[in-house]
């Protein structure tokens, strides 16, 4: 009865009542491993980490061949910042079951963090062979290739994520950068426009979009997005002002260009480039030789 009550309270989200009844159920039947496992998972869920560790260790001692005991213990140890012990648990789960997707993800993420790309590639190959549509592993694969500057292959894997429905800001931002590196500016623009739908006032992305439009010589749109980025920034930098000034020069608006080159110089008086372009812009602006 306590077990059924624990399951019912858990289902409706009353975790205190659920834990209370799980505790009584385990007391009455401390040899039931499944009951203990569910109890420990709920303890882990509500961040009662140390209590969960005790039960998972007990279960592991009873049956060391169950990969889930090792994996769940690893999750709790990771939360307790015991990273080495957590990774050992994930490795044990993986050795017992080489198709354990959750353990593979934890090991792969750790390898990516430490830029252990060979180890990461081996893990991802095993994981994706057993479940090719695991979006979490596909994302790690794409990020790995991206970090290694293999943008052509990274694009393929990020596009796989889009096909699986992972249309996140992160994916669109990474795709934009990869397309830009591959000189596919139109596609990069499409991706950045999608990224901005998630966060329309992201000044960094607005500036990047303006810069991309500048690369395809669409100076009107370049002006629009770079100006938006500058207006939203509390502390505009000389780089951004110089970029906008350059766009105004392309639009044959030297007076506007001068305004922003001067702003850039005010932001950073040591910006030699801004000084040079002020002179150059004035030279193109004045008609008579004496003024030049």
C-alpha atoms as a PDB file:
ATOM      1  CA  UNK A   1       0.000   0.000   0.000  1.00  0.00           C
ATOM      2  CA  UNK A   2       2.822   2.391   0.855  1.00  0.00           C
ATOM      3  CA  UNK A   3       4.466   1.665  -2.496  1.00  0.00           C
ATOM      4  CA  UNK A   4       1.257   2.391  -4.392  1.00  0.00           C
ATOM      5  CA  UNK A   5       0.736   5.604  -2.421  1.00  0.00           C
ATOM      6  CA  UNK A   6       4.336   6.624  -3.127  1.00  0.00           C
ATOM      7  CA  UNK A   7       3.814   6.076  -6.876  1.00  0.00           C
ATOM      8  CA  UNK A   8       0.510   7.998  -6.831  1.00  0.00           C
ATOM      9  CA  UNK A   9       1.921  10.976  -4.912  1.00  0.00           C
ATOM     10  CA  UNK A  10       4.958  11.004  -7.223  1.00  0.00           C
ATOM     11  CA  UNK A  11       2.672  11.075 -10.268  1.00  0.00           C
ATOM     12  CA  UNK A  12       0.832  14.182  -9.040  1.00  0.00           C
ATOM     13  CA  UNK A  13       4.047  15.926  -7.952  1.00  0.00           C
ATOM     14  CA  UNK A  14       3.614  15.709  -4.175  1.00  0.00           C
ATOM     15  CA  UNK A  15       7.205  14.583  -3.604  1.00  0.00           C
ATOM     16  CA  UNK A  16       7.260  14.978   0.185  1.00  0.00           C
ATOM     17  CA  UNK A  17       4.334  12.570   0.571  1.00  0.00           C
ATOM     18  CA  UNK A  18       5.840  10.275  -2.028  1.00  0.00           C
ATOM     19  CA  UNK A  19       9.192  10.115  -0.197  1.00  0.00           C
ATOM     20  CA  UNK A  20       7.410   9.503   3.100  1.00  0.00           C
ATOM     21  CA  UNK A  21       5.569   6.498   1.676  1.00  0.00           C
ATOM     22  CA  UNK A  22       8.619   5.217  -0.210  1.00  0.00           C
ATOM     23  CA  UNK A  23      10.562   5.285   3.053  1.00  0.00           C
ATOM     24  CA  UNK A  24       7.898   3.201   4.794  1.00  0.00           C
ATOM     25  CA  UNK A  25       7.676   0.798   1.853  1.00  0.00           C
ATOM     26  CA  UNK A  26      11.466   0.267   1.856  1.00  0.00           C
ATOM     27  CA  UNK A  27      11.407  -0.243   5.635  1.00  0.00           C
ATOM     28  CA  UNK A  28       8.830  -3.005   5.211  1.00  0.00           C
ATOM     29  CA  UNK A  29      10.624  -4.634   2.276  1.00  0.00           C
ATOM     30  CA  UNK A  30      14.320  -3.755   2.230  1.00  0.00           C
ATOM     31  CA  UNK A  31      15.215  -6.612  -0.128  1.00  0.00           C
ATOM     32  CA  UNK A  32      13.170  -5.200  -3.035  1.00  0.00           C
ATOM     33  CA  UNK A  33      15.798  -3.669  -5.341  1.00  0.00           C
ATOM     34  CA  UNK A  34      13.279  -2.118  -7.750  1.00  0.00           C
ATOM     35  CA  UNK A  35      11.561  -0.355  -4.868  1.00  0.00           C
ATOM     36  CA  UNK A  36      14.883   0.970  -3.559  1.00  0.00           C
ATOM     37  CA  UNK A  37      15.896   2.075  -7.060  1.00  0.00           C
ATOM     38  CA  UNK A  38      12.715   4.121  -7.542  1.00  0.00           C
ATOM     39  CA  UNK A  39      13.118   5.623  -4.069  1.00  0.00           C
ATOM     40  CA  UNK A  40      16.741   6.590  -4.787  1.00  0.00           C
ATOM     41  CA  UNK A  41      15.786   8.142  -8.140  1.00  0.00           C
ATOM     42  CA  UNK A  42      13.175  10.310  -6.434  1.00  0.00           C
ATOM     43  CA  UNK A  43      15.700  11.341  -3.783  1.00  0.00           C
ATOM     44  CA  UNK A  44      18.029  12.324  -6.617  1.00  0.00           C
ATOM     45  CA  UNK A  45      15.236  14.200  -8.381  1.00  0.00           C
ATOM     46  CA  UNK A  46      14.521  16.383  -5.328  1.00  0.00           C
ATOM     47  CA  UNK A  47      18.291  16.921  -4.787  1.00  0.00           C
ATOM     48  CA  UNK A  48      18.547  14.836  -1.620  1.00  0.00           C
ATOM     49  CA  UNK A  49      21.889  13.772  -3.009  1.00  0.00           C
ATOM     50  CA  UNK A  50      23.650  12.222  -0.042  1.00  0.00           C
ATOM     51  CA  UNK A  51      20.672  10.013   0.832  1.00  0.00           C
ATOM     52  CA  UNK A  52      20.486   8.932  -2.817  1.00  0.00           C
ATOM     53  CA  UNK A  53      24.212   8.072  -2.890  1.00  0.00           C
ATOM     54  CA  UNK A  54      23.803   5.682   0.065  1.00  0.00           C
ATOM     55  CA  UNK A  55      20.983   3.748  -1.623  1.00  0.00           C
ATOM     56  CA  UNK A  56      22.644   3.634  -5.064  1.00  0.00           C
ATOM     57  CA  UNK A  57      25.826   2.328  -3.448  1.00  0.00           C
ATOM     58  CA  UNK A  58      23.791  -0.344  -1.655  1.00  0.00           C
ATOM     59  CA  UNK A  59      22.146  -1.365  -4.917  1.00  0.00           C
ATOM     60  CA  UNK A  60      25.502  -1.414  -6.719  1.00  0.00           C
ATOM     61  CA  UNK A  61      26.902  -3.715  -4.024  1.00  0.00           C
ATOM     62  CA  UNK A  62      23.939  -6.066  -4.467  1.00  0.00           C
ATOM     63  CA  UNK A  63      24.147  -6.165  -8.268  1.00  0.00           C
ATOM     64  CA  UNK A  64      27.226  -4.675  -9.891  1.00  0.00           C
ATOM     65  CA  UNK A  65      26.064  -5.745 -13.371  1.00  0.00           C
ATOM     66  CA  UNK A  66      23.149  -3.303 -13.547  1.00  0.00           C
ATOM     67  CA  UNK A  67      24.372  -0.302 -15.621  1.00  0.00           C
ATOM     68  CA  UNK A  68      21.578   1.964 -14.390  1.00  0.00           C
ATOM     69  CA  UNK A  69      22.795   1.782 -10.780  1.00  0.00           C
ATOM     70  CA  UNK A  70      26.235   3.015 -11.859  1.00  0.00           C
ATOM     71  CA  UNK A  71      24.777   5.694 -14.149  1.00  0.00           C
ATOM     72  CA  UNK A  72      22.345   7.129 -11.575  1.00  0.00           C
ATOM     73  CA  UNK A  73      25.067   7.139  -8.920  1.00  0.00           C
ATOM     74  CA  UNK A  74      27.277   9.042 -11.376  1.00  0.00           C
ATOM     75  CA  UNK A  75      24.576  11.664 -11.920  1.00  0.00           C
ATOM     76  CA  UNK A  76      24.333  12.320  -8.155  1.00  0.00           C
ATOM     77  CA  UNK A  77      28.121  12.393  -7.687  1.00  0.00           C
ATOM     78  CA  UNK A  78      28.400  14.842 -10.575  1.00  0.00           C
ATOM     79  CA  UNK A  79      25.909  17.076  -8.804  1.00  0.00           C
ATOM     80  CA  UNK A  80      28.067  16.855  -5.680  1.00  0.00           C
ATOM     81  CA  UNK A  81      31.061  18.054  -7.779  1.00  0.00           C
ATOM     82  CA  UNK A  82      32.802  14.677  -7.466  1.00  0.00           C
ATOM     83  CA  UNK A  83      33.594  14.664 -11.166  1.00  0.00           C
ATOM     84  CA  UNK A  84      36.262  11.936 -11.224  1.00  0.00           C
ATOM     85  CA  UNK A  85      34.081   9.459  -9.301  1.00  0.00           C
ATOM     86  CA  UNK A  86      31.093  10.387 -11.455  1.00  0.00           C
ATOM     87  CA  UNK A  87      33.040   9.722 -14.661  1.00  0.00           C
ATOM     88  CA  UNK A  88      34.174   6.358 -13.297  1.00  0.00           C
ATOM     89  CA  UNK A  89      30.527   5.439 -12.719  1.00  0.00           C
ATOM     90  CA  UNK A  90      29.602   6.439 -16.271  1.00  0.00           C
ATOM     91  CA  UNK A  91      32.535   4.419 -17.621  1.00  0.00           C
ATOM     92  CA  UNK A  92      31.387   1.379 -15.646  1.00  0.00           C
ATOM     93  CA  UNK A  93      27.834   1.744 -17.004  1.00  0.00           C
ATOM     94  CA  UNK A  94      29.248   2.006 -20.539  1.00  0.00           C
ATOM     95  CA  UNK A  95      31.458  -1.071 -20.070  1.00  0.00           C
ATOM     96  CA  UNK A  96      28.446  -3.091 -18.919  1.00  0.00           C
ATOM     97  CA  UNK A  97      26.190  -1.772 -21.694  1.00  0.00           C
ATOM     98  CA  UNK A  98      27.898  -0.159 -24.688  1.00  0.00           C
ATOM     99  CA  UNK A  99      24.498   1.076 -25.983  1.00  0.00           C
ATOM    100  CA  UNK A 100      23.675   3.035 -22.796  1.00  0.00           C
ATOM    101  CA  UNK A 101      22.859   6.372 -24.448  1.00  0.00           C
ATOM    102  CA  UNK A 102      22.796   8.424 -21.251  1.00  0.00           C
ATOM    103  CA  UNK A 103      26.173   7.157 -20.080  1.00  0.00           C
ATOM    104  CA  UNK A 104      27.646   7.752 -23.547  1.00  0.00           C
ATOM    105  CA  UNK A 105      26.348  11.335 -23.486  1.00  0.00           C
ATOM    106  CA  UNK A 106      27.917  12.044 -20.077  1.00  0.00           C
ATOM    107  CA  UNK A 107      31.271  10.602 -21.154  1.00  0.00           C
ATOM    108  CA  UNK A 108      31.139  12.408 -24.502  1.00  0.00           C
ATOM    109  CA  UNK A 109      30.306  15.762 -22.952  1.00  0.00           C
ATOM    110  CA  UNK A 110      33.256  15.379 -20.581  1.00  0.00           C
ATOM    111  CA  UNK A 111      35.543  14.522 -23.533  1.00  0.00           C
ATOM    112  CA  UNK A 112      34.320  17.588 -25.454  1.00  0.00           C
ATOM    113  CA  UNK A 113      34.907  19.817 -22.441  1.00  0.00           C
ATOM    114  CA  UNK A 114      38.502  18.549 -22.249  1.00  0.00           C
ATOM    115  CA  UNK A 115      38.947  18.607 -26.053  1.00  0.00           C
ATOM    116  CA  UNK A 116      39.738  14.891 -26.097  1.00  0.00           C
ATOM    117  CA  UNK A 117      38.495  14.658 -29.663  1.00  0.00           C
ATOM    118  CA  UNK A 118      39.704  11.132 -30.477  1.00  0.00           C
ATOM    119  CA  UNK A 119      38.024   9.664 -27.402  1.00  0.00           C
ATOM    120  CA  UNK A 120      34.925  11.716 -28.163  1.00  0.00           C
ATOM    121  CA  UNK A 121      34.757  10.478 -31.740  1.00  0.00           C
ATOM    122  CA  UNK A 122      34.988   6.842 -30.595  1.00  0.00           C
ATOM    123  CA  UNK A 123      32.185   7.311 -28.062  1.00  0.00           C
ATOM    124  CA  UNK A 124      29.919   9.134 -30.514  1.00  0.00           C
ATOM    125  CA  UNK A 125      30.455   6.506 -33.204  1.00  0.00           C
ATOM    126  CA  UNK A 126      29.370   3.754 -30.791  1.00  0.00           C
ATOM    127  CA  UNK A 127      26.419   5.779 -29.515  1.00  0.00           C
ATOM    128  CA  UNK A 128      25.123   6.858 -32.911  1.00  0.00           C
ATOM    129  CA  UNK A 129      25.524   3.364 -34.360  1.00  0.00           C
ATOM    130  CA  UNK A 130      23.076   2.079 -31.760  1.00  0.00           C
ATOM    131  CA  UNK A 131      20.733   5.102 -31.983  1.00  0.00           C
ATOM    132  CA  UNK A 132      21.346   7.360 -35.025  1.00  0.00           C
ATOM    133  CA  UNK A 133      18.649   9.897 -34.030  1.00  0.00           C
ATOM    134  CA  UNK A 134      20.039  10.822 -30.623  1.00  0.00           C
ATOM    135  CA  UNK A 135      19.920  14.621 -30.927  1.00  0.00           C
ATOM    136  CA  UNK A 136      22.122  15.147 -27.852  1.00  0.00           C
ATOM    137  CA  UNK A 137      24.943  13.071 -29.360  1.00  0.00           C
ATOM    138  CA  UNK A 138      24.492  14.673 -32.792  1.00  0.00           C
ATOM    139  CA  UNK A 139      24.861  18.072 -31.137  1.00  0.00           C
ATOM    140  CA  UNK A 140      28.139  17.003 -29.499  1.00  0.00           C
ATOM    141  CA  UNK A 141      29.374  15.702 -32.857  1.00  0.00           C
ATOM    142  CA  UNK A 142      28.570  19.017 -34.535  1.00  0.00           C
ATOM    143  CA  UNK A 143      30.212  21.012 -31.726  1.00  0.00           C
ATOM    144  CA  UNK A 144      33.319  18.835 -31.872  1.00  0.00           C
ATOM    145  CA  UNK A 145      33.784  19.437 -35.616  1.00  0.00           C
ATOM    146  CA  UNK A 146      33.058  23.147 -35.110  1.00  0.00           C
ATOM    147  CA  UNK A 147      35.748  23.445 -32.424  1.00  0.00           C
ATOM    148  CA  UNK A 148      38.209  21.719 -34.755  1.00  0.00           C
ATOM    149  CA  UNK A 149      37.365  24.270 -37.487  1.00  0.00           C
ATOM    150  CA  UNK A 150      35.993  21.549 -39.785  1.00  0.00           C
ATOM    151  CA  UNK A 151      33.061  23.741 -40.790  1.00  0.00           C
ATOM    152  CA  UNK A 152      32.014  21.746 -43.862  1.00  0.00           C
ATOM    153  CA  UNK A 153      31.315  18.635 -41.781  1.00  0.00           C
ATOM    154  CA  UNK A 154      29.958  20.633 -38.835  1.00  0.00           C
ATOM    155  CA  UNK A 155      27.296  22.128 -41.129  1.00  0.00           C
ATOM    156  CA  UNK A 156      26.077  18.626 -42.051  1.00  0.00           C
ATOM    157  CA  UNK A 157      25.625  17.643 -38.404  1.00  0.00           C
ATOM    158  CA  UNK A 158      23.992  20.934 -37.359  1.00  0.00           C
ATOM    159  CA  UNK A 159      21.582  20.542 -40.284  1.00  0.00           C
ATOM    160  CA  UNK A 160      20.815  17.033 -39.002  1.00  0.00           C
ATOM    161  CA  UNK A 161      19.775  18.660 -35.736  1.00  0.00           C
ATOM    162  CA  UNK A 162      17.433  21.011 -37.588  1.00  0.00           C
ATOM    163  CA  UNK A 163      15.920  18.040 -39.422  1.00  0.00           C
ATOM    164  CA  UNK A 164      15.256  16.372 -36.050  1.00  0.00           C
ATOM    165  CA  UNK A 165      13.399  19.474 -34.871  1.00  0.00           C
ATOM    166  CA  UNK A 166      16.142  21.071 -32.761  1.00  0.00           C
ATOM    167  CA  UNK A 167      15.652  24.588 -34.123  1.00  0.00           C
ATOM    168  CA  UNK A 168      17.313  26.433 -31.274  1.00  0.00           C
ATOM    169  CA  UNK A 169      19.102  29.766 -31.150  1.00  0.00           C
ATOM    170  CA  UNK A 170      22.360  27.940 -30.396  1.00  0.00           C
ATOM    171  CA  UNK A 171      22.115  25.783 -33.546  1.00  0.00           C
ATOM    172  CA  UNK A 172      21.301  28.741 -35.804  1.00  0.00           C
ATOM    173  CA  UNK A 173      24.178  30.816 -34.362  1.00  0.00           C
ATOM    174  CA  UNK A 174      26.694  28.020 -34.903  1.00  0.00           C
ATOM    175  CA  UNK A 175      25.394  27.348 -38.419  1.00  0.00           C
ATOM    176  CA  UNK A 176      25.648  31.044 -39.239  1.00  0.00           C
ATOM    177  CA  UNK A 177      29.307  31.114 -38.188  1.00  0.00           C
ATOM    178  CA  UNK A 178      30.083  27.919 -40.118  1.00  0.00           C
ATOM    179  CA  UNK A 179      28.385  29.177 -43.294  1.00  0.00           C
ATOM    180  CA  UNK A 180      30.271  32.463 -43.020  1.00  0.00           C
ATOM    181  CA  UNK A 181      33.573  30.588 -42.767  1.00  0.00           C
ATOM    182  CA  UNK A 182      32.581  28.623 -45.875  1.00  0.00           C
ATOM    183  CA  UNK A 183      31.801  31.957 -47.635  1.00  0.00           C
ATOM    184  CA  UNK A 184      28.101  31.052 -47.955  1.00  0.00           C
ATOM    185  CA  UNK A 185      26.923  34.463 -46.826  1.00  0.00           C
ATOM    186  CA  UNK A 186      23.285  34.175 -47.929  1.00  0.00           C
ATOM    187  CA  UNK A 187      22.821  31.014 -45.858  1.00  0.00           C
ATOM    188  CA  UNK A 188      24.643  32.623 -42.946  1.00  0.00           C
ATOM    189  CA  UNK A 189      22.197  35.549 -43.108  1.00  0.00           C
ATOM    190  CA  UNK A 190      19.202  33.191 -43.092  1.00  0.00           C
ATOM    191  CA  UNK A 191      20.532  31.439 -39.996  1.00  0.00           C
ATOM    192  CA  UNK A 192      21.261  34.674 -38.142  1.00  0.00           C
ATOM    193  CA  UNK A 193      17.773  35.972 -38.929  1.00  0.00           C
ATOM    194  CA  UNK A 194      16.373  32.762 -37.418  1.00  0.00           C
ATOM    195  CA  UNK A 195      18.591  33.181 -34.343  1.00  0.00           C
ATOM    196  CA  UNK A 196      17.306  36.733 -33.838  1.00  0.00           C
ATOM    197  CA  UNK A 197      13.713  35.460 -33.680  1.00  0.00           C
ATOM    198  CA  UNK A 198      14.631  33.985 -30.278  1.00  0.00           C
ATOM    199  CA  UNK A 199      16.290  37.159 -28.992  1.00  0.00           C
ATOM    200  CA  UNK A 200      15.505  40.181 -31.196  1.00  0.00           C
ATOM    201  CA  UNK A 201      17.574  42.584 -29.044  1.00  0.00           C
ATOM    202  CA  UNK A 202      20.753  40.515 -28.995  1.00  0.00           C
ATOM    203  CA  UNK A 203      23.238  43.251 -29.890  1.00  0.00           C
ATOM    204  CA  UNK A 204      26.035  40.859 -30.828  1.00  0.00           C
ATOM    205  CA  UNK A 205      23.811  38.998 -33.289  1.00  0.00           C
ATOM    206  CA  UNK A 206      22.392  42.230 -34.725  1.00  0.00           C
ATOM    207  CA  UNK A 207      25.923  43.455 -35.343  1.00  0.00           C
ATOM    208  CA  UNK A 208      26.891  40.148 -36.965  1.00  0.00           C
ATOM    209  CA  UNK A 209      23.845  40.305 -39.238  1.00  0.00           C
ATOM    210  CA  UNK A 210      24.754  43.848 -40.291  1.00  0.00           C
ATOM    211  CA  UNK A 211      28.314  42.722 -41.003  1.00  0.00           C
ATOM    212  CA  UNK A 212      27.027  39.830 -43.131  1.00  0.00           C
ATOM    213  CA  UNK A 213      24.874  42.200 -45.199  1.00  0.00           C
ATOM    214  CA  UNK A 214      27.945  44.364 -45.678  1.00  0.00           C
ATOM    215  CA  UNK A 215      29.775  41.336 -47.121  1.00  0.00           C
ATOM    216  CA  UNK A 216      27.111  40.960 -49.837  1.00  0.00           C
ATOM    217  CA  UNK A 217      27.149  44.725 -50.485  1.00  0.00           C
ATOM    218  CA  UNK A 218      23.632  45.321 -49.135  1.00  0.00           C
ATOM    219  CA  UNK A 219      24.641  48.481 -47.312  1.00  0.00           C
ATOM    220  CA  UNK A 220      21.098  49.632 -46.505  1.00  0.00           C
ATOM    221  CA  UNK A 221      20.448  46.526 -44.418  1.00  0.00           C
ATOM    222  CA  UNK A 222      23.973  46.649 -43.019  1.00  0.00           C
ATOM    223  CA  UNK A 223      23.247  50.189 -41.777  1.00  0.00           C
ATOM    224  CA  UNK A 224      19.888  49.103 -40.320  1.00  0.00           C
ATOM    225  CA  UNK A 225      21.210  46.243 -38.190  1.00  0.00           C
ATOM    226  CA  UNK A 226      24.489  47.812 -37.097  1.00  0.00           C
ATOM    227  CA  UNK A 227      22.608  50.953 -35.985  1.00  0.00           C
ATOM    228  CA  UNK A 228      20.153  48.802 -34.048  1.00  0.00           C
ATOM    229  CA  UNK A 229      23.051  47.056 -32.327  1.00  0.00           C
ATOM    230  CA  UNK A 230      24.662  50.380 -31.386  1.00  0.00           C
ATOM    231  CA  UNK A 231      21.436  51.887 -30.092  1.00  0.00           C
ATOM    232  CA  UNK A 232      20.846  48.907 -27.803  1.00  0.00           C
ATOM    233  CA  UNK A 233      24.368  48.803 -26.368  1.00  0.00           C
ATOM    234  CA  UNK A 234      25.044  50.677 -23.161  1.00  0.00           C
ATOM    235  CA  UNK A 235      28.750  50.975 -23.986  1.00  0.00           C
ATOM    236  CA  UNK A 236      29.278  50.982 -27.751  1.00  0.00           C
ATOM    237  CA  UNK A 237      32.820  50.155 -28.808  1.00  0.00           C
ATOM    238  CA  UNK A 238      35.022  51.773 -31.419  1.00  0.00           C
ATOM    239  CA  UNK A 239      34.921  48.633 -33.585  1.00  0.00           C
ATOM    240  CA  UNK A 240      31.146  48.894 -34.015  1.00  0.00           C
ATOM    241  CA  UNK A 241      31.234  52.640 -34.755  1.00  0.00           C
ATOM    242  CA  UNK A 242      33.990  52.131 -37.315  1.00  0.00           C
ATOM    243  CA  UNK A 243      31.993  49.378 -38.999  1.00  0.00           C
ATOM    244  CA  UNK A 244      28.931  51.619 -39.299  1.00  0.00           C
ATOM    245  CA  UNK A 245      31.062  54.498 -40.576  1.00  0.00           C
ATOM    246  CA  UNK A 246      32.482  52.221 -43.273  1.00  0.00           C
ATOM    247  CA  UNK A 247      28.936  51.318 -44.323  1.00  0.00           C
ATOM    248  CA  UNK A 248      28.090  55.039 -44.657  1.00  0.00           C
ATOM    249  CA  UNK A 249      31.119  55.499 -46.877  1.00  0.00           C
ATOM    250  CA  UNK A 250      29.826  52.690 -49.077  1.00  0.00           C
ATOM    251  CA  UNK A 251      26.466  54.436 -49.163  1.00  0.00           C
ATOM    252  CA  UNK A 252      28.313  57.593 -50.284  1.00  0.00           C
ATOM    253  CA  UNK A 253      27.314  59.458 -47.131  1.00  0.00           C
ATOM    254  CA  UNK A 254      30.714  60.793 -45.992  1.00  0.00           C
ATOM    255  CA  UNK A 255      29.205  63.289 -43.523  1.00  0.00           C
ATOM    256  CA  UNK A 256      27.510  60.440 -41.618  1.00  0.00           C
ATOM    257  CA  UNK A 257      30.677  58.354 -41.902  1.00  0.00           C
ATOM    258  CA  UNK A 258      32.707  61.143 -40.313  1.00  0.00           C
ATOM    259  CA  UNK A 259      30.298  61.357 -37.376  1.00  0.00           C
ATOM    260  CA  UNK A 260      30.768  57.678 -36.561  1.00  0.00           C
ATOM    261  CA  UNK A 261      34.519  57.580 -37.190  1.00  0.00           C
ATOM    262  CA  UNK A 262      34.809  60.444 -34.693  1.00  0.00           C
ATOM    263  CA  UNK A 263      32.644  58.515 -32.224  1.00  0.00           C
ATOM    264  CA  UNK A 264      34.967  55.525 -32.677  1.00  0.00           C
ATOM    265  CA  UNK A 265      37.971  57.728 -31.977  1.00  0.00           C
ATOM    266  CA  UNK A 266      36.282  59.123 -28.874  1.00  0.00           C
ATOM    267  CA  UNK A 267      35.708  55.565 -27.631  1.00  0.00           C
ATOM    268  CA  UNK A 268      39.325  54.640 -28.299  1.00  0.00           C
ATOM    269  CA  UNK A 269      41.718  57.552 -28.895  1.00  0.00           C
ATOM    270  CA  UNK A 270      44.467  55.070 -29.885  1.00  0.00           C
ATOM    271  CA  UNK A 271      42.479  53.702 -32.823  1.00  0.00           C
ATOM    272  CA  UNK A 272      44.873  54.529 -35.661  1.00  0.00           C
ATOM    273  CA  UNK A 273      42.513  53.012 -38.216  1.00  0.00           C
ATOM    274  CA  UNK A 274      39.744  55.470 -37.283  1.00  0.00           C
ATOM    275  CA  UNK A 275      42.195  58.394 -37.593  1.00  0.00           C
ATOM    276  CA  UNK A 276      43.277  57.211 -41.024  1.00  0.00           C
ATOM    277  CA  UNK A 277      39.719  56.792 -42.304  1.00  0.00           C
ATOM    278  CA  UNK A 278      38.717  60.230 -41.023  1.00  0.00           C
ATOM    279  CA  UNK A 279      41.430  61.717 -43.232  1.00  0.00           C
ATOM    280  CA  UNK A 280      40.498  59.493 -46.157  1.00  0.00           C
ATOM    281  CA  UNK A 281      36.775  60.300 -45.817  1.00  0.00           C
ATOM    282  CA  UNK A 282      37.479  64.034 -45.685  1.00  0.00           C
ATOM    283  CA  UNK A 283      39.651  63.739 -48.772  1.00  0.00           C
ATOM    284  CA  UNK A 284      36.773  62.113 -50.679  1.00  0.00           C
ATOM    285  CA  UNK A 285      34.197  64.562 -49.277  1.00  0.00           C
ATOM    286  CA  UNK A 286      35.820  67.912 -50.117  1.00  0.00           C
ATOM    287  CA  UNK A 287      35.705  68.906 -53.777  1.00  0.00           C
ATOM    288  CA  UNK A 288      38.358  71.592 -54.068  1.00  0.00           C
ATOM    289  CA  UNK A 289      42.021  70.835 -53.702  1.00  0.00           C
ATOM    290  CA  UNK A 290      42.706  73.436 -50.999  1.00  0.00           C
ATOM    291  CA  UNK A 291      40.039  71.963 -48.697  1.00  0.00           C
ATOM    292  CA  UNK A 292      41.392  68.452 -49.303  1.00  0.00           C
END
